[in-house]
Structures are given as structure tokens and as C-alpha cells.
Amino acid sequence: MQLISNPDGATLSKIKRLYRTAFPRNERKPFAVIWEKSRSGQMELLAVEQDGFCGLVITILYKDIVLLDYFAIEPACRGNGIGTAVLALLQERYPDKRLLLEIEDPTLPCDNREERERRLRFYQRNGMSVMPYRVNLFGVEMFILTRGGEVDFAEYHEIFREVFSPLLAKKVQLL
């Protein structure tokens, strides 16, 4: 298995398709923004490949923090340890960085509570710790998880202010 940066056109099309189907519309950034930020080096757009395309990883790079912004495995590839292997590859790729991610709050009433709880258990099994705060991220209540050291809310918020804009950062609030 490998993470491929600078994916070719065909792979980029597969990434876009998976991105649109794996994440709710209200949680997706415009893909043009991701593409632009990946070209500037502020984000990485990675294809997960194992005998062909099987997933995507989109990260935001800021100081010593890597925000795992989007991570999805193709439905046909799930349940085979690929997600765990990708997290290990990310740890190798960013050995001196703190890895950070957001997941939908699994304690809230919702239609996909079991899925949210399963996602939390997956990340915890893979060495991620839940931070002692939650955020409202563009209207969605999220848990923040890290590996490699804690990330406080001020550092987390700074990512949005500096990589995107102060106006956008106002839509990221501490709960």
C-alpha cells in the first residue's frame, strides 16, 4: 500500500468522486479550494493505492500540525485493515508532527449514531486521543482527536485563520 501525491488525471477523478460520495455536502470544502491549497503546499491531496485506487487522504499542513481533513476508503475496500495501514503510513510520513482530526460528535441524537461511535472506536484503537473540548465546525458539532501530542483550541483555530481566512475562522467555534 502507498500514498500517492500529485495524482494523475484519472486518479484525481476517482478522488473527486469518492470525496463527493463519502462526505455530506455541508461538510465539504469546495474542491477548487482544496486543489489550490494543495498546489500552494498548505494542503496535501493523496491517493491511497493498493492494487489500484482504494481511498483518499486530504491533509492541512500547519506548523507542526497535520490536520487529517478528509479520509475515506472506497466501500469495496473497507474492512480489510486499509484504514489502519493508512494511519500508520501517515505517522511515517509526518514523524515529527501532531496528527489532528475532527469527527462528528457521537453523543448527539442522530440517524448514524452507530457509525459515529464505530468511527470513534476506530481512531482510538489507532492511538488517537479525544481532546477535552468540542467545536462547532461550520454548524456541525465535532470531537477533536489527536496523536503525537495535544492540540488546544487556540492552535486548532489558528489553522483556519492562517490557512484560510479570519472570516472563515469565525465559523469555527469552541463549544
N, C-alpha and C. Protein backbone atom coordinates (compact mmCIF):
# COMPACT_ATOMS: atom_id res chain seq x y z
N MET A 1 0.83 -1.17 0.00
CA MET A 1 0.00 0.00 0.00
C MET A 1 0.88 1.24 0.00
N GLN A 2 0.38 2.28 -0.67
CA GLN A 2 1.14 3.52 -0.71
C GLN A 2 0.23 4.73 -0.82
N LEU A 3 0.77 5.87 -0.39
CA LEU A 3 0.10 7.15 -0.54
C LEU A 3 0.74 7.86 -1.72
N ILE A 4 -0.06 8.26 -2.68
CA ILE A 4 0.43 8.89 -3.91
C ILE A 4 0.09 10.37 -3.88
N SER A 5 1.12 11.23 -3.91
CA SER A 5 0.88 12.66 -4.01
C SER A 5 0.87 13.05 -5.49
N ASN A 6 0.32 14.19 -5.78
CA ASN A 6 0.21 14.67 -7.16
C ASN A 6 -0.43 13.62 -8.08
N PRO A 7 -1.65 13.19 -7.74
CA PRO A 7 -2.29 12.14 -8.54
C PRO A 7 -2.54 12.58 -9.98
N ASP A 8 -2.49 11.62 -10.90
CA ASP A 8 -2.75 11.92 -12.31
C ASP A 8 -4.25 12.18 -12.51
N GLY A 9 -4.62 12.56 -13.73
CA GLY A 9 -5.99 12.95 -14.02
C GLY A 9 -7.03 11.89 -13.71
N ALA A 10 -6.75 10.64 -14.08
CA ALA A 10 -7.71 9.56 -13.83
C ALA A 10 -7.88 9.33 -12.33
N THR A 11 -6.79 9.36 -11.60
CA THR A 11 -6.86 9.15 -10.15
C THR A 11 -7.54 10.34 -9.48
N LEU A 12 -7.25 11.53 -9.97
CA LEU A 12 -7.90 12.73 -9.43
C LEU A 12 -9.42 12.65 -9.60
N SER A 13 -9.87 12.14 -10.71
CA SER A 13 -11.32 11.96 -10.93
C SER A 13 -11.90 10.98 -9.91
N LYS A 14 -11.17 9.91 -9.60
CA LYS A 14 -11.64 8.95 -8.60
C LYS A 14 -11.67 9.58 -7.21
N ILE A 15 -10.68 10.41 -6.91
CA ILE A 15 -10.65 11.11 -5.63
C ILE A 15 -11.86 12.03 -5.51
N LYS A 16 -12.14 12.80 -6.55
CA LYS A 16 -13.29 13.72 -6.53
C LYS A 16 -14.60 12.96 -6.33
N ARG A 17 -14.75 11.84 -7.02
CA ARG A 17 -15.97 11.05 -6.91
C ARG A 17 -16.14 10.53 -5.48
N LEU A 18 -15.09 9.95 -4.92
CA LEU A 18 -15.17 9.44 -3.56
C LEU A 18 -15.41 10.57 -2.56
N TYR A 19 -14.77 11.70 -2.76
CA TYR A 19 -14.94 12.87 -1.90
C TYR A 19 -16.41 13.29 -1.86
N ARG A 20 -17.03 13.35 -3.03
CA ARG A 20 -18.44 13.78 -3.11
C ARG A 20 -19.40 12.76 -2.52
N THR A 21 -19.07 11.48 -2.60
CA THR A 21 -19.99 10.47 -2.08
C THR A 21 -19.75 10.14 -0.60
N ALA A 22 -18.54 10.34 -0.11
CA ALA A 22 -18.20 9.94 1.26
C ALA A 22 -18.52 11.01 2.32
N PHE A 23 -18.61 12.26 1.89
CA PHE A 23 -18.79 13.35 2.86
C PHE A 23 -20.06 14.14 2.56
N PRO A 24 -20.83 14.47 3.61
CA PRO A 24 -22.04 15.26 3.40
C PRO A 24 -21.69 16.63 2.79
N ARG A 25 -22.57 17.13 1.97
CA ARG A 25 -22.36 18.41 1.29
C ARG A 25 -21.97 19.51 2.27
N ASN A 26 -22.64 19.57 3.42
CA ASN A 26 -22.37 20.66 4.37
C ASN A 26 -21.02 20.52 5.07
N GLU A 27 -20.33 19.40 4.87
CA GLU A 27 -19.00 19.20 5.47
C GLU A 27 -17.88 19.27 4.44
N ARG A 28 -18.23 19.48 3.17
CA ARG A 28 -17.21 19.52 2.11
C ARG A 28 -16.78 20.95 1.80
N LYS A 29 -15.48 21.13 1.68
CA LYS A 29 -14.96 22.38 1.15
C LYS A 29 -15.08 22.32 -0.38
N PRO A 30 -15.16 23.46 -1.03
CA PRO A 30 -15.14 23.41 -2.50
C PRO A 30 -13.85 22.73 -2.96
N PHE A 31 -13.97 21.78 -3.88
CA PHE A 31 -12.78 21.03 -4.30
C PHE A 31 -11.74 21.95 -4.92
N ALA A 32 -12.17 23.03 -5.55
CA ALA A 32 -11.23 24.00 -6.14
C ALA A 32 -10.33 24.60 -5.06
N VAL A 33 -10.87 24.81 -3.86
CA VAL A 33 -10.07 25.35 -2.76
C VAL A 33 -9.03 24.32 -2.33
N ILE A 34 -9.45 23.07 -2.23
CA ILE A 34 -8.50 22.00 -1.86
C ILE A 34 -7.40 21.91 -2.90
N TRP A 35 -7.77 21.96 -4.16
CA TRP A 35 -6.78 21.88 -5.24
C TRP A 35 -5.80 23.05 -5.16
N GLU A 36 -6.32 24.25 -4.97
CA GLU A 36 -5.47 25.44 -4.89
C GLU A 36 -4.52 25.36 -3.69
N LYS A 37 -5.06 24.97 -2.54
CA LYS A 37 -4.23 24.88 -1.33
C LYS A 37 -3.21 23.74 -1.45
N SER A 38 -3.53 22.69 -2.18
CA SER A 38 -2.56 21.61 -2.38
C SER A 38 -1.44 22.09 -3.30
N ARG A 39 -1.76 22.92 -4.25
CA ARG A 39 -0.74 23.46 -5.15
C ARG A 39 0.19 24.43 -4.43
N SER A 40 -0.33 25.11 -3.40
CA SER A 40 0.49 26.07 -2.65
C SER A 40 1.29 25.41 -1.54
N GLY A 41 1.02 24.11 -1.27
CA GLY A 41 1.74 23.39 -0.22
C GLY A 41 1.10 23.48 1.15
N GLN A 42 -0.07 24.13 1.25
CA GLN A 42 -0.75 24.22 2.54
C GLN A 42 -1.61 22.99 2.81
N MET A 43 -1.94 22.27 1.76
CA MET A 43 -2.69 21.02 1.90
C MET A 43 -2.01 19.96 1.06
N GLU A 44 -2.29 18.71 1.37
CA GLU A 44 -1.84 17.59 0.54
C GLU A 44 -3.07 16.80 0.11
N LEU A 45 -3.07 16.44 -1.15
CA LEU A 45 -4.12 15.63 -1.74
C LEU A 45 -3.46 14.31 -2.11
N LEU A 46 -3.82 13.24 -1.39
CA LEU A 46 -3.15 11.96 -1.55
C LEU A 46 -4.13 10.87 -1.95
N ALA A 47 -3.71 10.03 -2.86
CA ALA A 47 -4.48 8.84 -3.24
C ALA A 47 -3.93 7.66 -2.45
N VAL A 48 -4.83 6.83 -1.95
CA VAL A 48 -4.44 5.58 -1.30
C VAL A 48 -4.53 4.50 -2.37
N GLU A 49 -3.41 3.82 -2.59
CA GLU A 49 -3.40 2.78 -3.62
C GLU A 49 -2.90 1.46 -3.07
N GLN A 50 -3.63 0.43 -3.41
CA GLN A 50 -3.23 -0.95 -3.13
C GLN A 50 -3.91 -1.77 -4.23
N ASP A 51 -3.15 -2.19 -5.20
CA ASP A 51 -3.73 -2.86 -6.37
C ASP A 51 -4.78 -1.95 -7.01
N GLY A 52 -4.46 -0.68 -7.14
CA GLY A 52 -5.37 0.31 -7.71
C GLY A 52 -5.86 1.27 -6.64
N PHE A 53 -6.66 2.22 -7.06
CA PHE A 53 -7.18 3.25 -6.17
C PHE A 53 -8.11 2.65 -5.12
N CYS A 54 -7.88 2.99 -3.84
CA CYS A 54 -8.79 2.49 -2.82
C CYS A 54 -9.14 3.54 -1.77
N GLY A 55 -8.67 4.79 -1.93
CA GLY A 55 -9.05 5.79 -0.95
C GLY A 55 -8.40 7.14 -1.17
N LEU A 56 -8.77 8.07 -0.31
CA LEU A 56 -8.22 9.42 -0.38
C LEU A 56 -7.85 9.91 1.00
N VAL A 57 -6.84 10.77 1.02
CA VAL A 57 -6.42 11.46 2.23
C VAL A 57 -6.18 12.91 1.82
N ILE A 58 -6.81 13.83 2.54
CA ILE A 58 -6.59 15.25 2.30
C ILE A 58 -6.18 15.86 3.64
N THR A 59 -4.99 16.43 3.68
CA THR A 59 -4.46 16.99 4.92
C THR A 59 -4.24 18.49 4.77
N ILE A 60 -4.28 19.17 5.92
CA ILE A 60 -3.88 20.57 6.01
C ILE A 60 -2.59 20.57 6.81
N LEU A 61 -1.58 21.24 6.29
CA LEU A 61 -0.27 21.29 6.93
C LEU A 61 -0.08 22.67 7.54
N TYR A 62 0.17 22.71 8.86
CA TYR A 62 0.36 24.00 9.52
C TYR A 62 1.32 23.82 10.69
N LYS A 63 2.44 24.49 10.61
CA LYS A 63 3.49 24.39 11.62
C LYS A 63 3.80 22.91 11.89
N ASP A 64 3.67 22.47 13.14
CA ASP A 64 3.96 21.06 13.46
C ASP A 64 2.68 20.24 13.59
N ILE A 65 1.62 20.71 12.92
CA ILE A 65 0.32 20.02 12.98
C ILE A 65 -0.08 19.57 11.58
N VAL A 66 -0.59 18.36 11.51
CA VAL A 66 -1.20 17.85 10.28
C VAL A 66 -2.65 17.56 10.61
N LEU A 67 -3.55 18.33 10.01
CA LEU A 67 -4.97 18.11 10.19
C LEU A 67 -5.44 17.16 9.11
N LEU A 68 -5.87 15.99 9.52
CA LEU A 68 -6.42 15.00 8.59
C LEU A 68 -7.84 15.48 8.28
N ASP A 69 -7.95 16.28 7.24
CA ASP A 69 -9.18 16.98 6.92
C ASP A 69 -10.23 16.05 6.35
N TYR A 70 -9.82 15.18 5.43
CA TYR A 70 -10.73 14.20 4.83
C TYR A 70 -9.97 12.89 4.66
N PHE A 71 -10.65 11.81 5.00
CA PHE A 71 -10.06 10.47 4.90
C PHE A 71 -11.20 9.52 4.58
N ALA A 72 -11.12 8.86 3.44
CA ALA A 72 -12.17 7.93 3.05
C ALA A 72 -11.57 6.75 2.29
N ILE A 73 -12.13 5.60 2.54
CA ILE A 73 -11.75 4.37 1.84
C ILE A 73 -12.93 3.96 0.97
N GLU A 74 -12.65 3.51 -0.24
CA GLU A 74 -13.70 3.03 -1.14
C GLU A 74 -14.51 1.94 -0.43
N PRO A 75 -15.84 1.96 -0.57
CA PRO A 75 -16.66 0.94 0.11
C PRO A 75 -16.21 -0.49 -0.15
N ALA A 76 -15.80 -0.81 -1.36
CA ALA A 76 -15.38 -2.18 -1.69
C ALA A 76 -14.07 -2.57 -1.00
N CYS A 77 -13.32 -1.60 -0.51
CA CYS A 77 -12.02 -1.87 0.12
C CYS A 77 -12.09 -1.86 1.65
N ARG A 78 -13.22 -1.50 2.20
CA ARG A 78 -13.33 -1.37 3.66
C ARG A 78 -13.34 -2.73 4.35
N GLY A 79 -12.90 -2.69 5.62
CA GLY A 79 -12.94 -3.91 6.43
C GLY A 79 -11.74 -4.81 6.23
N ASN A 80 -10.72 -4.32 5.54
CA ASN A 80 -9.53 -5.13 5.27
C ASN A 80 -8.27 -4.57 5.92
N GLY A 81 -8.43 -3.66 6.89
CA GLY A 81 -7.28 -3.09 7.58
C GLY A 81 -6.61 -1.95 6.84
N ILE A 82 -7.21 -1.51 5.75
CA ILE A 82 -6.59 -0.44 4.96
C ILE A 82 -6.56 0.87 5.74
N GLY A 83 -7.64 1.20 6.45
CA GLY A 83 -7.67 2.43 7.23
C GLY A 83 -6.56 2.46 8.27
N THR A 84 -6.38 1.37 8.97
CA THR A 84 -5.32 1.27 9.97
C THR A 84 -3.95 1.42 9.31
N ALA A 85 -3.76 0.78 8.17
CA ALA A 85 -2.49 0.87 7.45
C ALA A 85 -2.22 2.30 6.98
N VAL A 86 -3.26 2.99 6.54
CA VAL A 86 -3.09 4.38 6.09
C VAL A 86 -2.67 5.26 7.27
N LEU A 87 -3.29 5.08 8.43
CA LEU A 87 -2.89 5.88 9.59
C LEU A 87 -1.43 5.62 9.96
N ALA A 88 -0.97 4.38 9.83
CA ALA A 88 0.44 4.07 10.08
C ALA A 88 1.33 4.76 9.05
N LEU A 89 0.90 4.77 7.77
CA LEU A 89 1.67 5.47 6.73
C LEU A 89 1.73 6.97 7.00
N LEU A 90 0.65 7.53 7.49
CA LEU A 90 0.64 8.96 7.82
C LEU A 90 1.61 9.26 8.96
N GLN A 91 1.67 8.36 9.92
CA GLN A 91 2.61 8.56 11.02
C GLN A 91 4.05 8.52 10.50
N GLU A 92 4.32 7.64 9.56
CA GLU A 92 5.66 7.57 8.93
C GLU A 92 5.93 8.82 8.10
N ARG A 93 4.92 9.30 7.40
CA ARG A 93 5.07 10.46 6.52
C ARG A 93 5.35 11.73 7.32
N TYR A 94 4.73 11.83 8.51
CA TYR A 94 4.85 13.03 9.34
C TYR A 94 5.36 12.65 10.73
N PRO A 95 6.59 12.13 10.84
CA PRO A 95 7.04 11.58 12.12
C PRO A 95 7.16 12.60 13.26
N ASP A 96 7.42 13.84 12.95
CA ASP A 96 7.62 14.85 13.99
C ASP A 96 6.45 15.81 14.11
N LYS A 97 5.30 15.40 13.64
CA LYS A 97 4.12 16.28 13.65
C LYS A 97 3.02 15.69 14.52
N ARG A 98 2.18 16.57 15.01
CA ARG A 98 0.98 16.14 15.73
C ARG A 98 -0.13 15.95 14.70
N LEU A 99 -0.76 14.79 14.74
CA LEU A 99 -1.87 14.49 13.83
C LEU A 99 -3.17 14.85 14.54
N LEU A 100 -4.04 15.52 13.81
CA LEU A 100 -5.28 16.04 14.35
C LEU A 100 -6.41 15.72 13.40
N LEU A 101 -7.58 15.41 13.94
CA LEU A 101 -8.75 15.23 13.07
C LEU A 101 -10.02 15.54 13.83
N GLU A 102 -11.10 15.75 13.06
CA GLU A 102 -12.41 16.02 13.63
C GLU A 102 -13.34 14.87 13.23
N ILE A 103 -14.21 14.50 14.17
CA ILE A 103 -15.28 13.55 13.84
C ILE A 103 -16.58 14.09 14.41
N GLU A 104 -17.67 13.75 13.75
CA GLU A 104 -18.98 14.18 14.25
C GLU A 104 -19.20 13.63 15.65
N ASP A 105 -19.74 14.46 16.51
CA ASP A 105 -19.99 14.10 17.91
C ASP A 105 -20.91 12.87 17.98
N PRO A 106 -20.39 11.75 18.49
CA PRO A 106 -21.20 10.53 18.54
C PRO A 106 -22.20 10.50 19.70
N THR A 107 -22.16 11.50 20.58
CA THR A 107 -23.08 11.51 21.72
C THR A 107 -24.38 12.22 21.41
N LEU A 108 -24.46 12.89 20.28
CA LEU A 108 -25.67 13.64 19.93
C LEU A 108 -26.71 12.73 19.28
N PRO A 109 -27.98 13.04 19.45
CA PRO A 109 -29.01 12.28 18.74
C PRO A 109 -28.82 12.47 17.22
N CYS A 110 -28.83 11.37 16.48
CA CYS A 110 -28.63 11.43 15.03
C CYS A 110 -29.03 10.10 14.41
N ASP A 111 -29.15 10.09 13.09
CA ASP A 111 -29.53 8.87 12.37
C ASP A 111 -28.39 7.88 12.24
N ASN A 112 -27.15 8.35 12.37
CA ASN A 112 -25.99 7.47 12.14
C ASN A 112 -25.12 7.34 13.39
N ARG A 113 -25.75 7.27 14.53
CA ARG A 113 -25.01 7.22 15.80
C ARG A 113 -24.07 6.02 15.86
N GLU A 114 -24.53 4.86 15.42
CA GLU A 114 -23.68 3.66 15.45
C GLU A 114 -22.42 3.86 14.59
N GLU A 115 -22.59 4.45 13.43
CA GLU A 115 -21.45 4.74 12.56
C GLU A 115 -20.47 5.71 13.23
N ARG A 116 -21.00 6.74 13.86
CA ARG A 116 -20.15 7.72 14.56
C ARG A 116 -19.39 7.06 15.71
N GLU A 117 -20.07 6.20 16.47
CA GLU A 117 -19.42 5.51 17.58
C GLU A 117 -18.34 4.56 17.07
N ARG A 118 -18.62 3.86 15.97
CA ARG A 118 -17.64 2.96 15.36
C ARG A 118 -16.41 3.74 14.89
N ARG A 119 -16.65 4.91 14.30
CA ARG A 119 -15.54 5.76 13.83
C ARG A 119 -14.66 6.18 15.00
N LEU A 120 -15.29 6.60 16.11
CA LEU A 120 -14.53 7.00 17.29
C LEU A 120 -13.68 5.83 17.81
N ARG A 121 -14.28 4.65 17.91
CA ARG A 121 -13.53 3.47 18.39
C ARG A 121 -12.35 3.15 17.46
N PHE A 122 -12.57 3.27 16.15
CA PHE A 122 -11.51 3.01 15.18
C PHE A 122 -10.31 3.93 15.44
N TYR A 123 -10.57 5.21 15.56
CA TYR A 123 -9.46 6.15 15.77
C TYR A 123 -8.79 5.95 17.12
N GLN A 124 -9.57 5.63 18.15
CA GLN A 124 -8.96 5.37 19.45
C GLN A 124 -8.10 4.11 19.42
N ARG A 125 -8.56 3.06 18.73
CA ARG A 125 -7.74 1.84 18.58
C ARG A 125 -6.42 2.15 17.87
N ASN A 126 -6.43 3.18 17.06
CA ASN A 126 -5.24 3.55 16.30
C ASN A 126 -4.45 4.68 16.94
N GLY A 127 -4.59 4.82 18.25
CA GLY A 127 -3.73 5.73 19.01
C GLY A 127 -4.17 7.17 19.10
N MET A 128 -5.37 7.48 18.67
CA MET A 128 -5.85 8.85 18.74
C MET A 128 -6.53 9.07 20.10
N SER A 129 -6.37 10.29 20.63
CA SER A 129 -6.99 10.65 21.91
C SER A 129 -7.98 11.79 21.70
N VAL A 130 -9.10 11.73 22.41
CA VAL A 130 -10.11 12.78 22.33
C VAL A 130 -9.65 13.96 23.18
N MET A 131 -9.67 15.14 22.59
CA MET A 131 -9.31 16.35 23.33
C MET A 131 -10.47 16.75 24.25
N PRO A 132 -10.17 17.50 25.31
CA PRO A 132 -11.20 17.84 26.29
C PRO A 132 -12.10 19.01 25.88
N TYR A 133 -12.28 19.20 24.58
CA TYR A 133 -13.18 20.25 24.10
C TYR A 133 -13.83 19.76 22.81
N ARG A 134 -14.97 20.36 22.50
CA ARG A 134 -15.67 20.09 21.23
C ARG A 134 -15.77 21.40 20.48
N VAL A 135 -16.02 21.31 19.18
CA VAL A 135 -16.15 22.51 18.37
C VAL A 135 -17.42 22.45 17.53
N ASN A 136 -17.87 23.62 17.17
CA ASN A 136 -18.90 23.78 16.16
C ASN A 136 -18.14 24.17 14.91
N LEU A 137 -18.06 23.25 13.96
CA LEU A 137 -17.31 23.45 12.73
C LEU A 137 -18.31 23.67 11.60
N PHE A 138 -18.54 24.93 11.28
CA PHE A 138 -19.48 25.29 10.21
C PHE A 138 -20.86 24.69 10.45
N GLY A 139 -21.30 24.70 11.73
CA GLY A 139 -22.63 24.21 12.06
C GLY A 139 -22.70 22.74 12.45
N VAL A 140 -21.58 22.03 12.45
CA VAL A 140 -21.56 20.61 12.81
C VAL A 140 -20.74 20.45 14.09
N GLU A 141 -21.33 19.81 15.10
CA GLU A 141 -20.61 19.60 16.37
C GLU A 141 -19.64 18.45 16.22
N MET A 142 -18.38 18.72 16.56
CA MET A 142 -17.30 17.76 16.34
C MET A 142 -16.49 17.51 17.60
N PHE A 143 -16.01 16.27 17.71
CA PHE A 143 -14.95 15.91 18.64
C PHE A 143 -13.64 16.19 17.92
N ILE A 144 -12.61 16.53 18.68
CA ILE A 144 -11.27 16.71 18.14
C ILE A 144 -10.40 15.59 18.72
N LEU A 145 -9.69 14.90 17.83
CA LEU A 145 -8.80 13.82 18.25
C LEU A 145 -7.39 14.14 17.80
N THR A 146 -6.41 13.71 18.58
CA THR A 146 -5.01 13.94 18.22
C THR A 146 -4.17 12.69 18.51
N ARG A 147 -3.02 12.68 17.86
CA ARG A 147 -1.98 11.68 18.15
C ARG A 147 -0.65 12.41 18.03
N GLY A 148 0.24 12.15 18.97
CA GLY A 148 1.55 12.79 18.93
C GLY A 148 1.62 14.04 19.78
N GLY A 149 0.60 14.29 20.57
CA GLY A 149 0.58 15.45 21.45
C GLY A 149 -0.74 16.19 21.34
N GLU A 150 -1.10 16.86 22.41
CA GLU A 150 -2.36 17.59 22.44
C GLU A 150 -2.30 18.82 21.53
N VAL A 151 -3.46 19.23 21.07
CA VAL A 151 -3.63 20.47 20.31
C VAL A 151 -4.76 21.21 20.99
N ASP A 152 -4.46 22.38 21.57
CA ASP A 152 -5.52 23.11 22.24
C ASP A 152 -6.37 23.87 21.22
N PHE A 153 -7.48 24.42 21.69
CA PHE A 153 -8.40 25.07 20.77
C PHE A 153 -7.75 26.25 20.06
N ALA A 154 -6.92 27.02 20.76
CA ALA A 154 -6.29 28.18 20.12
C ALA A 154 -5.43 27.75 18.93
N GLU A 155 -4.67 26.68 19.08
CA GLU A 155 -3.84 26.17 17.96
C GLU A 155 -4.72 25.66 16.83
N TYR A 156 -5.76 24.92 17.20
CA TYR A 156 -6.69 24.38 16.21
C TYR A 156 -7.33 25.51 15.41
N HIS A 157 -7.82 26.52 16.10
CA HIS A 157 -8.48 27.65 15.46
C HIS A 157 -7.52 28.41 14.55
N GLU A 158 -6.29 28.52 14.98
CA GLU A 158 -5.26 29.23 14.21
C GLU A 158 -5.09 28.61 12.81
N ILE A 159 -5.25 27.32 12.69
CA ILE A 159 -5.13 26.66 11.38
C ILE A 159 -6.10 27.30 10.39
N PHE A 160 -7.34 27.46 10.80
CA PHE A 160 -8.36 28.02 9.90
C PHE A 160 -8.09 29.50 9.60
N ARG A 161 -7.65 30.23 10.62
CA ARG A 161 -7.37 31.66 10.43
C ARG A 161 -6.20 31.87 9.48
N GLU A 162 -5.16 31.08 9.63
CA GLU A 162 -3.94 31.29 8.85
C GLU A 162 -3.96 30.61 7.48
N VAL A 163 -4.50 29.41 7.39
CA VAL A 163 -4.51 28.69 6.11
C VAL A 163 -5.64 29.19 5.22
N PHE A 164 -6.77 29.56 5.83
CA PHE A 164 -7.91 30.02 5.04
C PHE A 164 -8.10 31.52 5.22
N SER A 165 -8.84 31.96 6.23
CA SER A 165 -9.02 33.39 6.45
C SER A 165 -9.63 33.64 7.82
N PRO A 166 -9.44 34.85 8.37
CA PRO A 166 -10.09 35.18 9.64
C PRO A 166 -11.61 35.09 9.54
N LEU A 167 -12.18 35.44 8.40
CA LEU A 167 -13.63 35.36 8.22
C LEU A 167 -14.11 33.91 8.32
N LEU A 168 -13.40 33.01 7.66
CA LEU A 168 -13.75 31.60 7.72
C LEU A 168 -13.56 31.05 9.14
N ALA A 169 -12.51 31.49 9.80
CA ALA A 169 -12.23 31.00 11.16
C ALA A 169 -13.34 31.36 12.14
N LYS A 170 -14.10 32.41 11.86
CA LYS A 170 -15.21 32.78 12.74
C LYS A 170 -16.30 31.72 12.76
N LYS A 171 -16.31 30.84 11.75
CA LYS A 171 -17.31 29.77 11.68
C LYS A 171 -16.85 28.51 12.42
N VAL A 172 -15.72 28.62 13.09
CA VAL A 172 -15.18 27.52 13.90
C VAL A 172 -15.20 28.01 15.35
N GLN A 173 -16.09 27.42 16.14
CA GLN A 173 -16.30 27.93 17.49
C GLN A 173 -16.13 26.83 18.53
N LEU A 174 -15.63 27.24 19.68
CA LEU A 174 -15.50 26.35 20.82
C LEU A 174 -16.87 26.16 21.46
N LEU A 175 -17.20 24.92 21.79
CA LEU A 175 -18.48 24.63 22.47
C LEU A 175 -18.27 24.52 23.97
